[in-house]
Structure formats: C-alpha cells, structure tokens
Amino acid sequence: GPVFGAGIVISLQNLLADKVGSWVTVIIGAIFVICVLAFRKGVVGE
C-alpha cells in the first residue's frame, strides 16, 4: 500500500507540476478525500 500511494503522489506531482503549478496539491487533496470516502482502507487495503 505505501509503495502504491507513493507512486500515485510522486507521479501526479511529476506529471502535473508544470501544467497546473501549485494546484497539484489541490488535485492530490481531492483524490485523498475521494479515497477516504470511497476506500477507507486505502486502495490496496480495499
């Protein structure tokens, strides 16, 4: 799970940082909220 989570966060930062700038933190935060609401055990845990 932690490896998968690190892959998602680092990949999004790498892919979106030059496109949306500091908004990448908002996108990652939104993904986290969705994950907490829909996958309370995390992606791998679910």
ModelCIF file with pLDDT and N, C-alpha, C, O atoms, coordinates in Angstrom:
data_MODEL
#
_entry.id   MODEL 
#
_entity.id                         1 
_entity.type                       polymer 
_entity.pdbx_number_of_molecules   1 
#
_entity_poly.entity_id                      1 
_entity_poly.type                           'polypeptide(L)' 
_entity_poly.nstd_linkage                   no 
_entity_poly.nstd_monomer                   no 
_entity_poly.pdbx_seq_one_letter_code       GPVFGAGIVISLQNLLADKVGSWVTVIIGAIFVICVLAFRKGVVGE 
_entity_poly.pdbx_seq_one_letter_code_can   GPVFGAGIVISLQNLLADKVGSWVTVIIGAIFVICVLAFRKGVVGE 
_entity_poly.pdbx_strand_id                 A 
#
loop_
_entity_poly_seq.entity_id 
_entity_poly_seq.num 
_entity_poly_seq.mon_id 
_entity_poly_seq.hetero 
1 1  GLY n 
1 2  PRO n 
1 3  VAL n 
1 4  PHE n 
1 5  GLY n 
1 6  ALA n 
1 7  GLY n 
1 8  ILE n 
1 9  VAL n 
1 10 ILE n 
1 11 SER n 
1 12 LEU n 
1 13 GLN n 
1 14 ASN n 
1 15 LEU n 
1 16 LEU n 
1 17 ALA n 
1 18 ASP n 
1 19 LYS n 
1 20 VAL n 
1 21 GLY n 
1 22 SER n 
1 23 TRP n 
1 24 VAL n 
1 25 THR n 
1 26 VAL n 
1 27 ILE n 
1 28 ILE n 
1 29 GLY n 
1 30 ALA n 
1 31 ILE n 
1 32 PHE n 
1 33 VAL n 
1 34 ILE n 
1 35 CYS n 
1 36 VAL n 
1 37 LEU n 
1 38 ALA n 
1 39 PHE n 
1 40 ARG n 
1 41 LYS n 
1 42 GLY n 
1 43 VAL n 
1 44 VAL n 
1 45 GLY n 
1 46 GLU n 
#
_struct_asym.id          A 
_struct_asym.entity_id   1 
#
loop_
_ma_qa_metric.id 
_ma_qa_metric.mode 
_ma_qa_metric.name 
_ma_qa_metric.software_group_id 
_ma_qa_metric.type 
1 global pLDDT . pLDDT 
2 local  pLDDT . pLDDT 
#
_ma_qa_metric_global.metric_id      1 
_ma_qa_metric_global.metric_value   80.89 
_ma_qa_metric_global.model_id       1 
_ma_qa_metric_global.ordinal_id     1 
#
loop_
_ma_qa_metric_local.label_asym_id 
_ma_qa_metric_local.label_comp_id 
_ma_qa_metric_local.label_seq_id 
_ma_qa_metric_local.metric_id 
_ma_qa_metric_local.metric_value 
_ma_qa_metric_local.model_id 
_ma_qa_metric_local.ordinal_id 
A GLY 1  2 86.00 1 1  
A PRO 2  2 90.00 1 2  
A VAL 3  2 91.00 1 3  
A PHE 4  2 89.00 1 4  
A GLY 5  2 89.00 1 5  
A ALA 6  2 89.00 1 6  
A GLY 7  2 89.00 1 7  
A ILE 8  2 88.00 1 8  
A VAL 9  2 88.00 1 9  
A ILE 10 2 89.00 1 10 
A SER 11 2 86.00 1 11 
A LEU 12 2 85.00 1 12 
A GLN 13 2 83.00 1 13 
A ASN 14 2 83.00 1 14 
A LEU 15 2 80.00 1 15 
A LEU 16 2 76.00 1 16 
A ALA 17 2 71.00 1 17 
A ASP 18 2 72.00 1 18 
A LYS 19 2 75.00 1 19 
A VAL 20 2 72.00 1 20 
A GLY 21 2 68.00 1 21 
A SER 22 2 70.00 1 22 
A TRP 23 2 74.00 1 23 
A VAL 24 2 78.00 1 24 
A THR 25 2 80.00 1 25 
A VAL 26 2 82.00 1 26 
A ILE 27 2 82.00 1 27 
A ILE 28 2 79.00 1 28 
A GLY 29 2 80.00 1 29 
A ALA 30 2 84.00 1 30 
A ILE 31 2 81.00 1 31 
A PHE 32 2 79.00 1 32 
A VAL 33 2 83.00 1 33 
A ILE 34 2 83.00 1 34 
A CYS 35 2 78.00 1 35 
A VAL 36 2 75.00 1 36 
A LEU 37 2 80.00 1 37 
A ALA 38 2 77.00 1 38 
A PHE 39 2 76.00 1 39 
A ARG 40 2 77.00 1 40 
A LYS 41 2 81.00 1 41 
A GLY 42 2 80.00 1 42 
A VAL 43 2 81.00 1 43 
A VAL 44 2 82.00 1 44 
A GLY 45 2 80.00 1 45 
A GLU 46 2 80.00 1 46 
#
loop_
_atom_site.group_PDB 
_atom_site.id 
_atom_site.type_symbol 
_atom_site.label_atom_id 
_atom_site.label_alt_id 
_atom_site.label_comp_id 
_atom_site.label_asym_id 
_atom_site.label_entity_id 
_atom_site.label_seq_id 
_atom_site.pdbx_PDB_ins_code 
_atom_site.Cartn_x 
_atom_site.Cartn_y 
_atom_site.Cartn_z 
_atom_site.occupancy 
_atom_site.B_iso_or_equiv 
_atom_site.pdbx_formal_charge 
_atom_site.auth_seq_id 
_atom_site.auth_comp_id 
_atom_site.auth_asym_id 
_atom_site.auth_atom_id 
_atom_site.pdbx_PDB_model_num 
ATOM 1   N N  . GLY A 1 1  ? 0.793   -1.221 0.000   1.00 86.00 ? 1  GLY A N  1 
ATOM 2   C CA . GLY A 1 1  ? 0.000   0.000  0.000   1.00 86.00 ? 1  GLY A CA 1 
ATOM 3   C C  . GLY A 1 1  ? 0.829   1.277  0.000   1.00 86.00 ? 1  GLY A C  1 
ATOM 4   O O  . GLY A 1 1  ? 0.593   2.147  -0.838  1.00 86.00 ? 1  GLY A O  1 
ATOM 5   N N  . PRO A 1 2  ? 1.806   1.426  0.922   1.00 90.00 ? 2  PRO A N  1 
ATOM 6   C CA . PRO A 1 2  ? 2.622   2.655  0.911   1.00 90.00 ? 2  PRO A CA 1 
ATOM 7   C C  . PRO A 1 2  ? 3.378   2.861  -0.398  1.00 90.00 ? 2  PRO A C  1 
ATOM 8   O O  . PRO A 1 2  ? 3.549   3.995  -0.845  1.00 90.00 ? 2  PRO A O  1 
ATOM 9   N N  . VAL A 1 3  ? 3.828   1.772  -1.012  1.00 91.00 ? 3  VAL A N  1 
ATOM 10  C CA . VAL A 1 3  ? 4.529   1.883  -2.300  1.00 91.00 ? 3  VAL A CA 1 
ATOM 11  C C  . VAL A 1 3  ? 3.571   2.407  -3.365  1.00 91.00 ? 3  VAL A C  1 
ATOM 12  O O  . VAL A 1 3  ? 3.928   3.278  -4.157  1.00 91.00 ? 3  VAL A O  1 
ATOM 13  N N  . PHE A 1 4  ? 2.365   1.875  -3.378  1.00 89.00 ? 4  PHE A N  1 
ATOM 14  C CA . PHE A 1 4  ? 1.354   2.319  -4.340  1.00 89.00 ? 4  PHE A CA 1 
ATOM 15  C C  . PHE A 1 4  ? 0.982   3.781  -4.097  1.00 89.00 ? 4  PHE A C  1 
ATOM 16  O O  . PHE A 1 4  ? 0.876   4.567  -5.038  1.00 89.00 ? 4  PHE A O  1 
ATOM 17  N N  . GLY A 1 5  ? 0.784   4.136  -2.827  1.00 89.00 ? 5  GLY A N  1 
ATOM 18  C CA . GLY A 1 5  ? 0.440   5.521  -2.507  1.00 89.00 ? 5  GLY A CA 1 
ATOM 19  C C  . GLY A 1 5  ? 1.538   6.487  -2.897  1.00 89.00 ? 5  GLY A C  1 
ATOM 20  O O  . GLY A 1 5  ? 1.261   7.564  -3.425  1.00 89.00 ? 5  GLY A O  1 
ATOM 21  N N  . ALA A 1 6  ? 2.801   6.108  -2.639  1.00 89.00 ? 6  ALA A N  1 
ATOM 22  C CA . ALA A 1 6  ? 3.924   6.962  -3.043  1.00 89.00 ? 6  ALA A CA 1 
ATOM 23  C C  . ALA A 1 6  ? 3.973   7.099  -4.555  1.00 89.00 ? 6  ALA A C  1 
ATOM 24  O O  . ALA A 1 6  ? 4.278   8.172  -5.076  1.00 89.00 ? 6  ALA A O  1 
ATOM 25  N N  . GLY A 1 7  ? 3.676   6.018  -5.261  1.00 89.00 ? 7  GLY A N  1 
ATOM 26  C CA . GLY A 1 7  ? 3.664   6.069  -6.724  1.00 89.00 ? 7  GLY A CA 1 
ATOM 27  C C  . GLY A 1 7  ? 2.625   7.050  -7.252  1.00 89.00 ? 7  GLY A C  1 
ATOM 28  O O  . GLY A 1 7  ? 2.895   7.795  -8.194  1.00 89.00 ? 7  GLY A O  1 
ATOM 29  N N  . ILE A 1 8  ? 1.434   7.054  -6.647  1.00 88.00 ? 8  ILE A N  1 
ATOM 30  C CA . ILE A 1 8  ? 0.381   7.968  -7.080  1.00 88.00 ? 8  ILE A CA 1 
ATOM 31  C C  . ILE A 1 8  ? 0.791   9.422  -6.830  1.00 88.00 ? 8  ILE A C  1 
ATOM 32  O O  . ILE A 1 8  ? 0.691   10.260 -7.726  1.00 88.00 ? 8  ILE A O  1 
ATOM 33  N N  . VAL A 1 9  ? 1.251   9.717  -5.614  1.00 88.00 ? 9  VAL A N  1 
ATOM 34  C CA . VAL A 1 9  ? 1.574   11.098 -5.256  1.00 88.00 ? 9  VAL A CA 1 
ATOM 35  C C  . VAL A 1 9  ? 2.743   11.626 -6.075  1.00 88.00 ? 9  VAL A C  1 
ATOM 36  O O  . VAL A 1 9  ? 2.664   12.724 -6.625  1.00 88.00 ? 9  VAL A O  1 
ATOM 37  N N  . ILE A 1 10 ? 3.820   10.866 -6.164  1.00 89.00 ? 10 ILE A N  1 
ATOM 38  C CA . ILE A 1 10 ? 5.008   11.327 -6.900  1.00 89.00 ? 10 ILE A CA 1 
ATOM 39  C C  . ILE A 1 10 ? 4.714   11.436 -8.392  1.00 89.00 ? 10 ILE A C  1 
ATOM 40  O O  . ILE A 1 10 ? 5.194   12.360 -9.049  1.00 89.00 ? 10 ILE A O  1 
ATOM 41  N N  . SER A 1 11 ? 3.935   10.509 -8.932  1.00 86.00 ? 11 SER A N  1 
ATOM 42  C CA . SER A 1 11 ? 3.589   10.566 -10.356 1.00 86.00 ? 11 SER A CA 1 
ATOM 43  C C  . SER A 1 11 ? 2.755   11.802 -10.663 1.00 86.00 ? 11 SER A C  1 
ATOM 44  O O  . SER A 1 11 ? 2.996   12.486 -11.658 1.00 86.00 ? 11 SER A O  1 
ATOM 45  N N  . LEU A 1 12 ? 1.770   12.091 -9.807  1.00 85.00 ? 12 LEU A N  1 
ATOM 46  C CA . LEU A 1 12 ? 0.935   13.270 -10.027 1.00 85.00 ? 12 LEU A CA 1 
ATOM 47  C C  . LEU A 1 12 ? 1.756   14.548 -9.910  1.00 85.00 ? 12 LEU A C  1 
ATOM 48  O O  . LEU A 1 12 ? 1.580   15.476 -10.699 1.00 85.00 ? 12 LEU A O  1 
ATOM 49  N N  . GLN A 1 13 ? 2.646   14.599 -8.933  1.00 83.00 ? 13 GLN A N  1 
ATOM 50  C CA . GLN A 1 13 ? 3.497   15.782 -8.794  1.00 83.00 ? 13 GLN A CA 1 
ATOM 51  C C  . GLN A 1 13 ? 4.383   15.958 -10.024 1.00 83.00 ? 13 GLN A C  1 
ATOM 52  O O  . GLN A 1 13 ? 4.587   17.079 -10.492 1.00 83.00 ? 13 GLN A O  1 
ATOM 53  N N  . ASN A 1 14 ? 4.903   14.864 -10.540 1.00 83.00 ? 14 ASN A N  1 
ATOM 54  C CA . ASN A 1 14 ? 5.799   14.943 -11.696 1.00 83.00 ? 14 ASN A CA 1 
ATOM 55  C C  . ASN A 1 14 ? 5.052   15.308 -12.979 1.00 83.00 ? 14 ASN A C  1 
ATOM 56  O O  . ASN A 1 14 ? 5.560   16.065 -13.807 1.00 83.00 ? 14 ASN A O  1 
ATOM 57  N N  . LEU A 1 15 ? 3.849   14.768 -13.138 1.00 80.00 ? 15 LEU A N  1 
ATOM 58  C CA . LEU A 1 15 ? 3.106   14.976 -14.381 1.00 80.00 ? 15 LEU A CA 1 
ATOM 59  C C  . LEU A 1 15 ? 2.376   16.320 -14.419 1.00 80.00 ? 15 LEU A C  1 
ATOM 60  O O  . LEU A 1 15 ? 2.237   16.927 -15.481 1.00 80.00 ? 15 LEU A O  1 
ATOM 61  N N  . LEU A 1 16 ? 1.916   16.776 -13.267 1.00 76.00 ? 16 LEU A N  1 
ATOM 62  C CA . LEU A 1 16 ? 1.034   17.945 -13.248 1.00 76.00 ? 16 LEU A CA 1 
ATOM 63  C C  . LEU A 1 16 ? 1.705   19.233 -12.796 1.00 76.00 ? 16 LEU A C  1 
ATOM 64  O O  . LEU A 1 16 ? 1.156   20.315 -13.003 1.00 76.00 ? 16 LEU A O  1 
ATOM 65  N N  . ALA A 1 17 ? 2.884   19.140 -12.182 1.00 71.00 ? 17 ALA A N  1 
ATOM 66  C CA . ALA A 1 17 ? 3.512   20.335 -11.616 1.00 71.00 ? 17 ALA A CA 1 
ATOM 67  C C  . ALA A 1 17 ? 3.736   21.414 -12.666 1.00 71.00 ? 17 ALA A C  1 
ATOM 68  O O  . ALA A 1 17 ? 3.515   22.594 -12.394 1.00 71.00 ? 17 ALA A O  1 
ATOM 69  N N  . ASP A 1 18 ? 4.177   21.023 -13.876 1.00 72.00 ? 18 ASP A N  1 
ATOM 70  C CA . ASP A 1 18 ? 4.443   22.021 -14.913 1.00 72.00 ? 18 ASP A CA 1 
ATOM 71  C C  . ASP A 1 18 ? 3.190   22.437 -15.677 1.00 72.00 ? 18 ASP A C  1 
ATOM 72  O O  . ASP A 1 18 ? 3.241   23.355 -16.495 1.00 72.00 ? 18 ASP A O  1 
ATOM 73  N N  . LYS A 1 19 ? 2.071   21.773 -15.418 1.00 75.00 ? 19 LYS A N  1 
ATOM 74  C CA . LYS A 1 19 ? 0.824   22.073 -16.135 1.00 75.00 ? 19 LYS A CA 1 
ATOM 75  C C  . LYS A 1 19 ? -0.131  22.912 -15.293 1.00 75.00 ? 19 LYS A C  1 
ATOM 76  O O  . LYS A 1 19 ? -0.764  23.836 -15.803 1.00 75.00 ? 19 LYS A O  1 
ATOM 77  N N  . VAL A 1 20 ? -0.234  22.593 -14.013 1.00 72.00 ? 20 VAL A N  1 
ATOM 78  C CA . VAL A 1 20 ? -1.196  23.291 -13.154 1.00 72.00 ? 20 VAL A CA 1 
ATOM 79  C C  . VAL A 1 20 ? -0.527  24.020 -11.999 1.00 72.00 ? 20 VAL A C  1 
ATOM 80  O O  . VAL A 1 20 ? -1.203  24.683 -11.213 1.00 72.00 ? 20 VAL A O  1 
ATOM 81  N N  . GLY A 1 21 ? 0.804   23.905 -11.886 1.00 68.00 ? 21 GLY A N  1 
ATOM 82  C CA . GLY A 1 21 ? 1.526   24.614 -10.838 1.00 68.00 ? 21 GLY A CA 1 
ATOM 83  C C  . GLY A 1 21 ? 1.151   24.137 -9.452  1.00 68.00 ? 21 GLY A C  1 
ATOM 84  O O  . GLY A 1 21 ? 1.078   22.934 -9.201  1.00 68.00 ? 21 GLY A O  1 
ATOM 85  N N  . SER A 1 22 ? 0.911   25.081 -8.546  1.00 70.00 ? 22 SER A N  1 
ATOM 86  C CA . SER A 1 22 ? 0.608   24.733 -7.156  1.00 70.00 ? 22 SER A CA 1 
ATOM 87  C C  . SER A 1 22 ? -0.755  24.062 -6.995  1.00 70.00 ? 22 SER A C  1 
ATOM 88  O O  . SER A 1 22 ? -1.064  23.524 -5.932  1.00 70.00 ? 22 SER A O  1 
ATOM 89  N N  . TRP A 1 23 ? -1.570  24.096 -8.051  1.00 74.00 ? 23 TRP A N  1 
ATOM 90  C CA . TRP A 1 23 ? -2.875  23.426 -7.991  1.00 74.00 ? 23 TRP A CA 1 
ATOM 91  C C  . TRP A 1 23 ? -2.740  21.914 -7.876  1.00 74.00 ? 23 TRP A C  1 
ATOM 92  O O  . TRP A 1 23 ? -3.718  21.224 -7.589  1.00 74.00 ? 23 TRP A O  1 
ATOM 93  N N  . VAL A 1 24 ? -1.533  21.394 -8.098  1.00 78.00 ? 24 VAL A N  1 
ATOM 94  C CA . VAL A 1 24 ? -1.342  19.948 -7.979  1.00 78.00 ? 24 VAL A CA 1 
ATOM 95  C C  . VAL A 1 24 ? -1.657  19.483 -6.561  1.00 78.00 ? 24 VAL A C  1 
ATOM 96  O O  . VAL A 1 24 ? -2.135  18.365 -6.370  1.00 78.00 ? 24 VAL A O  1 
ATOM 97  N N  . THR A 1 25 ? -1.392  20.339 -5.553  1.00 80.00 ? 25 THR A N  1 
ATOM 98  C CA . THR A 1 25 ? -1.708  19.959 -4.178  1.00 80.00 ? 25 THR A CA 1 
ATOM 99  C C  . THR A 1 25 ? -3.212  19.861 -3.972  1.00 80.00 ? 25 THR A C  1 
ATOM 100 O O  . THR A 1 25 ? -3.684  19.016 -3.211  1.00 80.00 ? 25 THR A O  1 
ATOM 101 N N  . VAL A 1 26 ? -3.968  20.728 -4.653  1.00 82.00 ? 26 VAL A N  1 
ATOM 102 C CA . VAL A 1 26 ? -5.433  20.667 -4.564  1.00 82.00 ? 26 VAL A CA 1 
ATOM 103 C C  . VAL A 1 26 ? -5.941  19.370 -5.188  1.00 82.00 ? 26 VAL A C  1 
ATOM 104 O O  . VAL A 1 26 ? -6.834  18.719 -4.645  1.00 82.00 ? 26 VAL A O  1 
ATOM 105 N N  . ILE A 1 27 ? -5.369  19.004 -6.328  1.00 82.00 ? 27 ILE A N  1 
ATOM 106 C CA . ILE A 1 27 ? -5.791  17.773 -7.011  1.00 82.00 ? 27 ILE A CA 1 
ATOM 107 C C  . ILE A 1 27 ? -5.485  16.551 -6.156  1.00 82.00 ? 27 ILE A C  1 
ATOM 108 O O  . ILE A 1 27 ? -6.320  15.657 -6.017  1.00 82.00 ? 27 ILE A O  1 
ATOM 109 N N  . ILE A 1 28 ? -4.276  16.516 -5.581  1.00 79.00 ? 28 ILE A N  1 
ATOM 110 C CA . ILE A 1 28 ? -3.911  15.391 -4.726  1.00 79.00 ? 28 ILE A CA 1 
ATOM 111 C C  . ILE A 1 28 ? -4.818  15.348 -3.493  1.00 79.00 ? 28 ILE A C  1 
ATOM 112 O O  . ILE A 1 28 ? -5.227  14.273 -3.056  1.00 79.00 ? 28 ILE A O  1 
ATOM 113 N N  . GLY A 1 29 ? -5.131  16.527 -2.934  1.00 80.00 ? 29 GLY A N  1 
ATOM 114 C CA . GLY A 1 29 ? -6.037  16.581 -1.793  1.00 80.00 ? 29 GLY A CA 1 
ATOM 115 C C  . GLY A 1 29 ? -7.424  16.059 -2.130  1.00 80.00 ? 29 GLY A C  1 
ATOM 116 O O  . GLY A 1 29 ? -8.038  15.350 -1.333  1.00 80.00 ? 29 GLY A O  1 
ATOM 117 N N  . ALA A 1 30 ? -7.924  16.416 -3.328  1.00 84.00 ? 30 ALA A N  1 
ATOM 118 C CA . ALA A 1 30 ? -9.240  15.931 -3.750  1.00 84.00 ? 30 ALA A CA 1 
ATOM 119 C C  . ALA A 1 30 ? -9.238  14.411 -3.918  1.00 84.00 ? 30 ALA A C  1 
ATOM 120 O O  . ALA A 1 30 ? -10.191 13.731 -3.535  1.00 84.00 ? 30 ALA A O  1 
ATOM 121 N N  . ILE A 1 31 ? -8.162  13.894 -4.491  1.00 81.00 ? 31 ILE A N  1 
ATOM 122 C CA . ILE A 1 31 ? -8.042  12.440 -4.642  1.00 81.00 ? 31 ILE A CA 1 
ATOM 123 C C  . ILE A 1 31 ? -8.028  11.760 -3.273  1.00 81.00 ? 31 ILE A C  1 
ATOM 124 O O  . ILE A 1 31 ? -8.627  10.701 -3.088  1.00 81.00 ? 31 ILE A O  1 
ATOM 125 N N  . PHE A 1 32 ? -7.339  12.381 -2.324  1.00 79.00 ? 32 PHE A N  1 
ATOM 126 C CA . PHE A 1 32 ? -7.276  11.821 -0.979  1.00 79.00 ? 32 PHE A CA 1 
ATOM 127 C C  . PHE A 1 32 ? -8.659  11.803 -0.330  1.00 79.00 ? 32 PHE A C  1 
ATOM 128 O O  . PHE A 1 32 ? -9.036  10.819 0.305   1.00 79.00 ? 32 PHE A O  1 
ATOM 129 N N  . VAL A 1 33 ? -9.409  12.884 -0.488  1.00 83.00 ? 33 VAL A N  1 
ATOM 130 C CA . VAL A 1 33 ? -10.756 12.934 0.085   1.00 83.00 ? 33 VAL A CA 1 
ATOM 131 C C  . VAL A 1 33 ? -11.641 11.853 -0.524  1.00 83.00 ? 33 VAL A C  1 
ATOM 132 O O  . VAL A 1 33 ? -12.375 11.169 0.190   1.00 83.00 ? 33 VAL A O  1 
ATOM 133 N N  . ILE A 1 34 ? -11.569 11.702 -1.841  1.00 83.00 ? 34 ILE A N  1 
ATOM 134 C CA . ILE A 1 34 ? -12.361 10.662 -2.512  1.00 83.00 ? 34 ILE A CA 1 
ATOM 135 C C  . ILE A 1 34 ? -11.965 9.284  -2.009  1.00 83.00 ? 34 ILE A C  1 
ATOM 136 O O  . ILE A 1 34 ? -12.814 8.424  -1.776  1.00 83.00 ? 34 ILE A O  1 
ATOM 137 N N  . CYS A 1 35 ? -10.643 9.084  -1.844  1.00 78.00 ? 35 CYS A N  1 
ATOM 138 C CA . CYS A 1 35 ? -10.157 7.784  -1.369  1.00 78.00 ? 35 CYS A CA 1 
ATOM 139 C C  . CYS A 1 35 ? -10.661 7.491  0.037   1.00 78.00 ? 35 CYS A C  1 
ATOM 140 O O  . CYS A 1 35 ? -11.070 6.369  0.335   1.00 78.00 ? 35 CYS A O  1 
ATOM 141 N N  . VAL A 1 36 ? -10.629 8.509  0.905   1.00 75.00 ? 36 VAL A N  1 
ATOM 142 C CA . VAL A 1 36 ? -11.086 8.314  2.287   1.00 75.00 ? 36 VAL A CA 1 
ATOM 143 C C  . VAL A 1 36 ? -12.577 7.993  2.323   1.00 75.00 ? 36 VAL A C  1 
ATOM 144 O O  . VAL A 1 36 ? -13.023 7.165  3.117   1.00 75.00 ? 36 VAL A O  1 
ATOM 145 N N  . LEU A 1 37 ? -13.344 8.658  1.454   1.00 80.00 ? 37 LEU A N  1 
ATOM 146 C CA . LEU A 1 37 ? -14.790 8.424  1.446   1.00 80.00 ? 37 LEU A CA 1 
ATOM 147 C C  . LEU A 1 37 ? -15.162 7.087  0.801   1.00 80.00 ? 37 LEU A C  1 
ATOM 148 O O  . LEU A 1 37 ? -16.071 6.400  1.268   1.00 80.00 ? 37 LEU A O  1 
ATOM 149 N N  . ALA A 1 38 ? -14.451 6.718  -0.279  1.00 77.00 ? 38 ALA A N  1 
ATOM 150 C CA . ALA A 1 38 ? -14.822 5.515  -1.035  1.00 77.00 ? 38 ALA A CA 1 
ATOM 151 C C  . ALA A 1 38 ? -13.985 4.300  -0.673  1.00 77.00 ? 38 ALA A C  1 
ATOM 152 O O  . ALA A 1 38 ? -14.469 3.170  -0.744  1.00 77.00 ? 38 ALA A O  1 
ATOM 153 N N  . PHE A 1 39 ? -12.719 4.522  -0.282  1.00 76.00 ? 39 PHE A N  1 
ATOM 154 C CA . PHE A 1 39 ? -11.806 3.415  0.028   1.00 76.00 ? 39 PHE A CA 1 
ATOM 155 C C  . PHE A 1 39 ? -11.162 3.697  1.382   1.00 76.00 ? 39 PHE A C  1 
ATOM 156 O O  . PHE A 1 39 ? -10.018 4.145  1.451   1.00 76.00 ? 39 PHE A O  1 
ATOM 157 N N  . ARG A 1 40 ? -11.896 3.437  2.448   1.00 77.00 ? 40 ARG A N  1 
ATOM 158 C CA . ARG A 1 40 ? -11.429 3.831  3.774   1.00 77.00 ? 40 ARG A CA 1 
ATOM 159 C C  . ARG A 1 40 ? -10.184 3.051  4.197   1.00 77.00 ? 40 ARG A C  1 
ATOM 160 O O  . ARG A 1 40 ? -9.436  3.511  5.059   1.00 77.00 ? 40 ARG A O  1 
ATOM 161 N N  . LYS A 1 41 ? -9.956  1.899  3.613   1.00 81.00 ? 41 LYS A N  1 
ATOM 162 C CA . LYS A 1 41 ? -8.764  1.111  3.925   1.00 81.00 ? 41 LYS A CA 1 
ATOM 163 C C  . LYS A 1 41 ? -7.631  1.381  2.948   1.00 81.00 ? 41 LYS A C  1 
ATOM 164 O O  . LYS A 1 41 ? -6.607  0.699  2.986   1.00 81.00 ? 41 LYS A O  1 
ATOM 165 N N  . GLY A 1 42 ? -7.800  2.371  2.067   1.00 80.00 ? 42 GLY A N  1 
ATOM 166 C CA . GLY A 1 42 ? -6.804  2.611  1.039   1.00 80.00 ? 42 GLY A CA 1 
ATOM 167 C C  . GLY A 1 42 ? -7.059  1.710  -0.161  1.00 80.00 ? 42 GLY A C  1 
ATOM 168 O O  . GLY A 1 42 ? -7.817  0.745  -0.069  1.00 80.00 ? 42 GLY A O  1 
ATOM 169 N N  . VAL A 1 43 ? -6.436  2.021  -1.266  1.00 81.00 ? 43 VAL A N  1 
ATOM 170 C CA . VAL A 1 43 ? -6.685  1.263  -2.491  1.00 81.00 ? 43 VAL A CA 1 
ATOM 171 C C  . VAL A 1 43 ? -6.290  -0.198 -2.317  1.00 81.00 ? 43 VAL A C  1 
ATOM 172 O O  . VAL A 1 43 ? -7.098  -1.092 -2.568  1.00 81.00 ? 43 VAL A O  1 
ATOM 173 N N  . VAL A 1 44 ? -5.059  -0.445 -1.891  1.00 82.00 ? 44 VAL A N  1 
ATOM 174 C CA . VAL A 1 44 ? -4.587  -1.822 -1.727  1.00 82.00 ? 44 VAL A CA 1 
ATOM 175 C C  . VAL A 1 44 ? -5.342  -2.516 -0.600  1.00 82.00 ? 44 VAL A C  1 
ATOM 176 O O  . VAL A 1 44 ? -5.674  -3.695 -0.715  1.00 82.00 ? 44 VAL A O  1 
ATOM 177 N N  . GLY A 1 45 ? -5.616  -1.801 0.484   1.00 80.00 ? 45 GLY A N  1 
ATOM 178 C CA . GLY A 1 45 ? -6.357  -2.387 1.588   1.00 80.00 ? 45 GLY A CA 1 
ATOM 179 C C  . GLY A 1 45 ? -7.752  -2.827 1.186   1.00 80.00 ? 45 GLY A C  1 
ATOM 180 O O  . GLY A 1 45 ? -8.215  -3.889 1.602   1.00 80.00 ? 45 GLY A O  1 
ATOM 181 N N  . GLU A 1 46 ? -8.428  -2.012 0.376   1.00 80.00 ? 46 GLU A N  1 
ATOM 182 C CA . GLU A 1 46 ? -9.767  -2.383 -0.085  1.00 80.00 ? 46 GLU A CA 1 
ATOM 183 C C  . GLU A 1 46 ? -9.715  -3.587 -1.033  1.00 80.00 ? 46 GLU A C  1 
ATOM 184 O O  . GLU A 1 46 ? -10.753 -4.036 -1.518  1.00 80.00 ? 46 GLU A O  1 
#
